[in-house]
PDB file of N, CA and C in Angstrom:
ATOM      1  N   MET A   1      42.233 117.171  27.348  1.00  0.00           N
ATOM      2  CA  MET A   1      41.827 116.508  26.041  1.00  0.00           C
ATOM      3  C   MET A   1      40.439 116.384  26.162  1.00  0.00           C
ATOM      4  N   ILE A   2      39.685 116.869  24.875  1.00  0.00           N
ATOM      5  CA  ILE A   2      38.364 116.689  24.749  1.00  0.00           C
ATOM      6  C   ILE A   2      37.967 115.336  24.331  1.00  0.00           C
ATOM      7  N   ASP A   3      36.926 114.701  24.860  1.00  0.00           N
ATOM      8  CA  ASP A   3      36.637 113.434  24.347  1.00  0.00           C
ATOM      9  C   ASP A   3      35.006 113.342  24.263  1.00  0.00           C
ATOM     10  N   GLY A   4      34.493 112.399  24.001  1.00  0.00           N
ATOM     11  CA  GLY A   4      32.927 112.171  23.930  1.00  0.00           C
ATOM     12  C   GLY A   4      32.173 112.344  25.199  1.00  0.00           C
ATOM     13  N   ARG A   5      32.865 112.770  26.330  1.00  0.00           N
ATOM     14  CA  ARG A   5      31.996 112.793  27.553  1.00  0.00           C
ATOM     15  C   ARG A   5      31.899 114.372  27.904  1.00  0.00           C
ATOM     16  N   GLY A   6      30.707 114.503  28.475  1.00  0.00           N
ATOM     17  CA  GLY A   6      30.566 115.941  28.941  1.00  0.00           C
ATOM     18  C   GLY A   6      30.160 116.766  27.616  1.00  0.00           C
ATOM     19  N   SER A   7      29.951 118.249  27.886  1.00  0.00           N
ATOM     20  CA  SER A   7      29.491 118.869  26.762  1.00  0.00           C
ATOM     21  C   SER A   7      30.505 120.146  26.615  1.00  0.00           C
ATOM     22  N   ILE A   8      30.489 120.883  25.458  1.00  0.00           N
ATOM     23  CA  ILE A   8      31.449 121.756  25.083  1.00  0.00           C
ATOM     24  C   ILE A   8      30.621 123.081  24.943  1.00  0.00           C
ATOM     25  N   ARG A   9      31.369 124.478  25.334  1.00  0.00           N
ATOM     26  CA  ARG A   9      30.514 125.437  24.916  1.00  0.00           C
ATOM     27  C   ARG A   9      31.563 126.595  24.460  1.00  0.00           C
ATOM     28  N   TRP A  10      31.401 127.479  23.739  1.00  0.00           N
ATOM     29  CA  TRP A  10      31.879 128.556  23.252  1.00  0.00           C
ATOM     30  C   TRP A  10      32.354 129.624  24.482  1.00  0.00           C
ATOM     31  N   VAL A  11      33.777 129.979  24.345  1.00  0.00           N
ATOM     32  CA  VAL A  11      34.011 131.286  25.157  1.00  0.00           C
ATOM     33  C   VAL A  11      34.977 132.116  24.400  1.00  0.00           C
ATOM     34  N   TYR A  12      35.193 133.329  24.928  1.00  0.00           N
ATOM     35  CA  TYR A  12      35.995 134.107  24.053  1.00  0.00           C
ATOM     36  C   TYR A  12      37.403 133.907  24.858  1.00  0.00           C
ATOM     37  N   ALA A  13      38.529 133.896  23.695  1.00  0.00           N
ATOM     38  CA  ALA A  13      39.735 133.845  24.298  1.00  0.00           C
ATOM     39  C   ALA A  13      40.323 135.272  24.893  1.00  0.00           C
ATOM     40  N   ASP A  14      41.426 135.069  25.504  1.00  0.00           N
ATOM     41  CA  ASP A  14      41.926 136.240  26.130  1.00  0.00           C
ATOM     42  C   ASP A  14      41.992 137.694  25.204  1.00  0.00           C
ATOM     43  N   GLY A  15      42.241 137.585  24.062  1.00  0.00           N
ATOM     44  CA  GLY A  15      42.334 138.414  23.093  1.00  0.00           C
ATOM     45  C   GLY A  15      41.000 139.015  22.393  1.00  0.00           C
ATOM     46  N   GLY A  16      40.078 138.280  22.625  1.00  0.00           N
ATOM     47  CA  GLY A  16      38.719 138.733  22.401  1.00  0.00           C
ATOM     48  C   GLY A  16      38.408 138.455  20.849  1.00  0.00           C
ATOM     49  N   PRO A  17      37.249 138.710  20.347  1.00  0.00           N
ATOM     50  CA  PRO A  17      36.732 138.419  19.182  1.00  0.00           C
ATOM     51  C   PRO A  17      37.766 138.591  17.974  1.00  0.00           C
ATOM     52  N   SER A  18      38.518 139.812  17.916  1.00  0.00           N
ATOM     53  CA  SER A  18      39.392 140.071  16.993  1.00  0.00           C
ATOM     54  C   SER A  18      40.534 138.959  16.760  1.00  0.00           C
ATOM     55  N   ASP A  19      41.233 138.806  17.708  1.00  0.00           N
ATOM     56  CA  ASP A  19      42.284 137.857  17.770  1.00  0.00           C
ATOM     57  C   ASP A  19      41.557 136.365  17.337  1.00  0.00           C
ATOM     58  N   ALA A  20      40.310 136.088  17.669  1.00  0.00           N
ATOM     59  CA  ALA A  20      39.599 134.906  17.310  1.00  0.00           C
ATOM     60  C   ALA A  20      39.400 134.737  15.771  1.00  0.00           C
ATOM     61  N   MET A  21      39.069 135.882  15.194  1.00  0.00           N
ATOM     62  CA  MET A  21      38.865 135.817  13.738  1.00  0.00           C
ATOM     63  C   MET A  21      40.163 135.609  13.023  1.00  0.00           C
ATOM     64  N   GLU A  22      41.293 135.992  13.251  1.00  0.00           N
ATOM     65  CA  GLU A  22      42.471 135.538  12.605  1.00  0.00           C
ATOM     66  C   GLU A  22      42.925 133.938  12.707  1.00  0.00           C
ATOM     67  N   TRP A  23      42.680 133.542  14.078  1.00  0.00           N
ATOM     68  CA  TRP A  23      43.022 132.285  14.293  1.00  0.00           C
ATOM     69  C   TRP A  23      41.908 131.234  13.822  1.00  0.00           C
ATOM     70  N   LEU A  24      40.859 131.658  13.512  1.00  0.00           N
ATOM     71  CA  LEU A  24      39.716 130.584  13.188  1.00  0.00           C
ATOM     72  C   LEU A  24      39.574 130.578  11.657  1.00  0.00           C
ATOM     73  N   THR A  25      40.744 130.775  11.001  1.00  0.00           N
ATOM     74  CA  THR A  25      40.783 130.614   9.435  1.00  0.00           C
ATOM     75  C   THR A  25      40.644 129.306   8.950  1.00  0.00           C
ATOM     76  N   SER A  26      40.724 128.292  10.010  1.00  0.00           N
ATOM     77  CA  SER A  26      40.352 126.844   9.622  1.00  0.00           C
ATOM     78  C   SER A  26      38.828 126.648   9.603  1.00  0.00           C
ATOM     79  N   GLY A  27      38.431 126.208   8.252  1.00  0.00           N
ATOM     80  CA  GLY A  27      37.064 125.982   8.206  1.00  0.00           C
ATOM     81  C   GLY A  27      36.319 125.090   9.174  1.00  0.00           C
ATOM     82  N   LEU A  28      36.945 124.051   9.666  1.00  0.00           N
ATOM     83  CA  LEU A  28      36.402 123.065  10.713  1.00  0.00           C
ATOM     84  C   LEU A  28      36.520 124.025  11.996  1.00  0.00           C
ATOM     85  N   ARG A  29      37.338 124.556  12.325  1.00  0.00           N
ATOM     86  CA  ARG A  29      37.299 125.192  13.543  1.00  0.00           C
ATOM     87  C   ARG A  29      36.432 126.378  13.738  1.00  0.00           C
ATOM     88  N   ARG A  30      36.129 126.998  12.639  1.00  0.00           N
ATOM     89  CA  ARG A  30      35.284 128.008  12.525  1.00  0.00           C
ATOM     90  C   ARG A  30      33.834 127.516  12.494  1.00  0.00           C
ATOM     91  N   ASP A  31      33.687 126.423  11.903  1.00  0.00           N
ATOM     92  CA  ASP A  31      32.235 126.083  11.986  1.00  0.00           C
ATOM     93  C   ASP A  31      31.815 125.216  13.285  1.00  0.00           C
ATOM     94  N   ILE A  32      32.811 124.733  14.002  1.00  0.00           N
ATOM     95  CA  ILE A  32      32.589 124.367  15.359  1.00  0.00           C
ATOM     96  C   ILE A  32      32.162 125.310  16.133  1.00  0.00           C
ATOM     97  N   CYS A  33      32.950 126.438  16.094  1.00  0.00           N
ATOM     98  CA  CYS A  33      32.629 127.950  16.812  1.00  0.00           C
ATOM     99  C   CYS A  33      31.193 128.289  16.666  1.00  0.00           C
ATOM    100  N   VAL A  34      30.819 128.438  15.351  1.00  0.00           N
ATOM    101  CA  VAL A  34      29.644 128.733  14.975  1.00  0.00           C
ATOM    102  C   VAL A  34      28.420 128.055  15.409  1.00  0.00           C
ATOM    103  N   LEU A  35      28.659 126.579  15.583  1.00  0.00           N
ATOM    104  CA  LEU A  35      27.530 125.706  16.095  1.00  0.00           C
ATOM    105  C   LEU A  35      27.718 125.946  17.668  1.00  0.00           C
ATOM    106  N   LEU A  36      28.825 125.961  18.153  1.00  0.00           N
ATOM    107  CA  LEU A  36      29.043 126.252  19.658  1.00  0.00           C
ATOM    108  C   LEU A  36      28.337 127.629  20.186  1.00  0.00           C
ATOM    109  N   TYR A  37      28.535 128.464  19.380  1.00  0.00           N
ATOM    110  CA  TYR A  37      27.996 129.886  19.598  1.00  0.00           C
ATOM    111  C   TYR A  37      26.557 129.967  20.133  1.00  0.00           C
ATOM    112  N   GLU A  38      25.718 129.046  19.322  1.00  0.00           N
ATOM    113  CA  GLU A  38      24.303 128.955  19.161  1.00  0.00           C
ATOM    114  C   GLU A  38      23.976 128.321  20.605  1.00  0.00           C
ATOM    115  N   GLU A  39      24.674 127.243  20.960  1.00  0.00           N
ATOM    116  CA  GLU A  39      24.323 126.430  22.052  1.00  0.00           C
ATOM    117  C   GLU A  39      25.486 125.513  22.453  1.00  0.00           C
ATOM    118  N   GLU A  40      25.158 124.748  23.751  1.00  0.00           N
ATOM    119  CA  GLU A  40      26.224 123.937  24.369  1.00  0.00           C
ATOM    120  C   GLU A  40      25.936 122.551  23.489  1.00  0.00           C
ATOM    121  N   TRP A  41      26.848 121.659  23.220  1.00  0.00           N
ATOM    122  CA  TRP A  41      26.645 120.396  22.496  1.00  0.00           C
ATOM    123  C   TRP A  41      27.582 119.396  23.214  1.00  0.00           C
ATOM    124  N   ARG A  42      27.101 118.135  23.149  1.00  0.00           N
ATOM    125  CA  ARG A  42      27.950 117.100  23.465  1.00  0.00           C
ATOM    126  C   ARG A  42      28.897 116.736  22.179  1.00  0.00           C
ATOM    127  N   ALA A  43      30.024 116.358  22.368  1.00  0.00           N
ATOM    128  CA  ALA A  43      31.110 116.246  21.244  1.00  0.00           C
ATOM    129  C   ALA A  43      30.601 115.351  20.061  1.00  0.00           C
ATOM    130  N   GLN A  44      30.045 114.321  20.482  1.00  0.00           N
ATOM    131  CA  GLN A  44      29.477 113.351  19.261  1.00  0.00           C
ATOM    132  C   GLN A  44      28.288 113.964  18.526  1.00  0.00           C
ATOM    133  N   SER A  45      27.455 114.702  19.216  1.00  0.00           N
ATOM    134  CA  SER A  45      26.245 115.267  18.517  1.00  0.00           C
ATOM    135  C   SER A  45      26.815 116.477  17.651  1.00  0.00           C
ATOM    136  N   LEU A  46      27.981 117.277  18.285  1.00  0.00           N
ATOM    137  CA  LEU A  46      28.526 118.377  17.520  1.00  0.00           C
ATOM    138  C   LEU A  46      28.990 117.781  16.114  1.00  0.00           C
ATOM    139  N   LYS A  47      29.762 116.418  16.323  1.00  0.00           N
ATOM    140  CA  LYS A  47      30.485 116.008  15.076  1.00  0.00           C
ATOM    141  C   LYS A  47      29.479 115.705  14.101  1.00  0.00           C
ATOM    142  N   SER A  48      28.321 115.137  14.651  1.00  0.00           N
ATOM    143  CA  SER A  48      27.079 114.503  13.774  1.00  0.00           C
ATOM    144  C   SER A  48      26.675 115.889  13.050  1.00  0.00           C
ATOM    145  N   ALA A  49      26.462 116.970  13.538  1.00  0.00           N
ATOM    146  CA  ALA A  49      25.864 118.208  13.217  1.00  0.00           C
ATOM    147  C   ALA A  49      26.761 118.552  12.022  1.00  0.00           C
ATOM    148  N   LEU A  50      28.096 118.565  12.210  1.00  0.00           N
ATOM    149  CA  LEU A  50      29.046 119.001  11.161  1.00  0.00           C
ATOM    150  C   LEU A  50      28.965 118.047  10.036  1.00  0.00           C
ATOM    151  N   GLU A  51      28.854 117.027  10.205  1.00  0.00           N
ATOM    152  CA  GLU A  51      28.875 115.876   9.013  1.00  0.00           C
ATOM    153  C   GLU A  51      27.515 116.055   8.260  1.00  0.00           C
ATOM    154  N   LYS A  52      26.443 116.416   8.723  1.00  0.00           N
ATOM    155  CA  LYS A  52      25.358 116.715   8.317  1.00  0.00           C
ATOM    156  C   LYS A  52      25.376 118.099   7.614  1.00  0.00           C
ATOM    157  N   ARG A  53      25.933 119.074   8.043  1.00  0.00           N
ATOM    158  CA  ARG A  53      26.268 120.368   7.130  1.00  0.00           C
ATOM    159  C   ARG A  53      27.321 120.150   6.066  1.00  0.00           C
ATOM    160  N   TYR A  54      28.219 119.353   6.372  1.00  0.00           N
ATOM    161  CA  TYR A  54      29.135 119.062   5.172  1.00  0.00           C
ATOM    162  C   TYR A  54      28.742 118.059   4.149  1.00  0.00           C
ATOM    163  N   ASP A  55      27.742 117.211   4.536  1.00  0.00           N
ATOM    164  CA  ASP A  55      27.237 116.223   3.858  1.00  0.00           C
ATOM    165  C   ASP A  55      28.542 115.090   3.582  1.00  0.00           C
ATOM    166  N   ARG A  56      29.169 114.875   4.462  1.00  0.00           N
ATOM    167  CA  ARG A  56      30.141 113.814   4.300  1.00  0.00           C
ATOM    168  C   ARG A  56      30.891 113.874   5.801  1.00  0.00           C
ATOM    169  N   ARG A  57      31.508 112.522   5.868  1.00  0.00           N
ATOM    170  CA  ARG A  57      32.018 112.047   7.131  1.00  0.00           C
ATOM    171  C   ARG A  57      33.098 113.110   7.692  1.00  0.00           C
ATOM    172  N   VAL A  58      33.444 113.372   8.677  1.00  0.00           N
ATOM    173  CA  VAL A  58      34.507 114.007   9.392  1.00  0.00           C
ATOM    174  C   VAL A  58      35.367 112.911  10.369  1.00  0.00           C
ATOM    175  N   LYS A  59      36.558 112.940   9.887  1.00  0.00           N
ATOM    176  CA  LYS A  59      37.370 111.883  10.525  1.00  0.00           C
ATOM    177  C   LYS A  59      37.526 112.142  12.248  1.00  0.00           C
ATOM    178  N   PRO A  60      37.441 111.137  13.156  1.00  0.00           N
ATOM    179  CA  PRO A  60      37.274 111.536  14.348  1.00  0.00           C
ATOM    180  C   PRO A  60      38.682 112.249  14.965  1.00  0.00           C
ATOM    181  N   ASP A  61      40.001 111.827  14.384  1.00  0.00           N
ATOM    182  CA  ASP A  61      41.180 112.579  14.688  1.00  0.00           C
ATOM    183  C   ASP A  61      41.162 114.012  14.372  1.00  0.00           C
ATOM    184  N   ARG A  62      40.620 114.190  13.177  1.00  0.00           N
ATOM    185  CA  ARG A  62      40.624 115.660  12.603  1.00  0.00           C
ATOM    186  C   ARG A  62      39.741 116.476  13.505  1.00  0.00           C
ATOM    187  N   PHE A  63      38.460 115.842  13.921  1.00  0.00           N
ATOM    188  CA  PHE A  63      37.500 116.736  14.646  1.00  0.00           C
ATOM    189  C   PHE A  63      38.125 116.778  16.057  1.00  0.00           C
ATOM    190  N   TYR A  64      38.576 115.743  16.816  1.00  0.00           N
ATOM    191  CA  TYR A  64      38.821 116.053  18.054  1.00  0.00           C
ATOM    192  C   TYR A  64      40.188 116.802  18.257  1.00  0.00           C
ATOM    193  N   GLY A  65      41.037 116.801  17.139  1.00  0.00           N
ATOM    194  CA  GLY A  65      42.169 117.618  17.136  1.00  0.00           C
ATOM    195  C   GLY A  65      41.760 118.916  17.055  1.00  0.00           C
ATOM    196  N   ALA A  66      40.911 119.401  16.192  1.00  0.00           N
ATOM    197  CA  ALA A  66      40.346 120.892  16.130  1.00  0.00           C
ATOM    198  C   ALA A  66      39.850 121.281  17.380  1.00  0.00           C
ATOM    199  N   LEU A  67      38.864 120.339  18.255  1.00  0.00           N
ATOM    200  CA  LEU A  67      38.373 120.781  19.496  1.00  0.00           C
ATOM    201  C   LEU A  67      39.560 120.739  20.413  1.00  0.00           C
ATOM    202  N   ASP A  68      40.534 119.959  20.484  1.00  0.00           N
ATOM    203  CA  ASP A  68      41.437 120.083  21.448  1.00  0.00           C
ATOM    204  C   ASP A  68      42.543 121.570  21.227  1.00  0.00           C
ATOM    205  N   ALA A  69      42.488 122.039  19.754  1.00  0.00           N
ATOM    206  CA  ALA A  69      43.122 123.152  19.596  1.00  0.00           C
ATOM    207  C   ALA A  69      42.366 124.195  19.917  1.00  0.00           C
ATOM    208  N   LEU A  70      41.093 124.157  19.842  1.00  0.00           N
ATOM    209  CA  LEU A  70      40.143 125.379  20.431  1.00  0.00           C
ATOM    210  C   LEU A  70      40.315 125.551  21.839  1.00  0.00           C
ATOM    211  N   ASN A  71      40.308 124.220  22.455  1.00  0.00           N
ATOM    212  CA  ASN A  71      40.155 124.325  23.916  1.00  0.00           C
ATOM    213  C   ASN A  71      41.574 124.847  24.369  1.00  0.00           C
ATOM    214  N   SER A  72      42.671 124.347  23.838  1.00  0.00           N
ATOM    215  CA  SER A  72      44.026 124.867  24.287  1.00  0.00           C
ATOM    216  C   SER A  72      44.164 126.426  24.385  1.00  0.00           C
ATOM    217  N   LYS A  73      43.510 127.066  22.978  1.00  0.00           N
ATOM    218  CA  LYS A  73      43.507 128.410  22.923  1.00  0.00           C
ATOM    219  C   LYS A  73      42.654 129.282  23.649  1.00  0.00           C
ATOM    220  N   GLY A  74      41.592 128.521  24.292  1.00  0.00           N
ATOM    221  CA  GLY A  74      40.625 129.232  25.060  1.00  0.00           C
ATOM    222  C   GLY A  74      39.643 129.542  24.509  1.00  0.00           C
ATOM    223  N   PHE A  75      39.030 128.992  23.156  1.00  0.00           N
ATOM    224  CA  PHE A  75      38.114 129.346  22.453  1.00  0.00           C
ATOM    225  C   PHE A  75      36.998 128.549  22.900  1.00  0.00           C
ATOM    226  N   VAL A  76      36.911 127.597  23.478  1.00  0.00           N
ATOM    227  CA  VAL A  76      36.100 126.412  23.928  1.00  0.00           C
ATOM    228  C   VAL A  76      36.369 125.881  25.379  1.00  0.00           C
ATOM    229  N   GLU A  77      35.380 125.555  26.019  1.00  0.00           N
ATOM    230  CA  GLU A  77      35.781 124.766  27.291  1.00  0.00           C
ATOM    231  C   GLU A  77      34.944 123.569  27.369  1.00  0.00           C
ATOM    232  N   LYS A  78      35.293 122.564  27.887  1.00  0.00           N
ATOM    233  CA  LYS A  78      34.564 121.317  28.129  1.00  0.00           C
ATOM    234  C   LYS A  78      33.827 121.275  29.577  1.00  0.00           C
ATOM    235  N   ARG A  79      32.833 120.904  29.539  1.00  0.00           N
ATOM    236  CA  ARG A  79      31.864 120.717  30.979  1.00  0.00           C
ATOM    237  C   ARG A  79      31.821 119.176  31.218  1.00  0.00           C
ATOM    238  N   VAL A  80      32.363 118.906  32.359  1.00  0.00           N
ATOM    239  CA  VAL A  80      31.984 117.419  32.499  1.00  0.00           C
ATOM    240  C   VAL A  80      30.616 117.301  33.444  1.00  0.00           C
ATOM    241  N   GLU A  81      29.769 116.386  33.062  1.00  0.00           N
ATOM    242  CA  GLU A  81      28.590 116.426  33.696  1.00  0.00           C
ATOM    243  C   GLU A  81      28.802 115.548  34.660  1.00  0.00           C
ATOM    244  N   GLY A  82      27.756 115.730  35.801  1.00  0.00           N
ATOM    245  CA  GLY A  82      27.911 114.505  36.814  1.00  0.00           C
ATOM    246  C   GLY A  82      28.636 114.716  38.013  1.00  0.00           C
TER     247      GLY A  82
END
């Protein structure tokens, strides 16, 4: 499970970019991957960047649910610091 500790980075799933494009039809998952493609983020900073981009609040359960889904499919991975 992804939480507010550590950082998150983009990785390709086993199927590669073409499989990713079909699965990333969710705007939130897609936007998370766009931001993660550019750099590694701490979860809360990533959530704040999305809120700034959307100009509205992103509910924590929706945000962390999207991160968990991306993690379970192998699109992102969590790196624990320390």
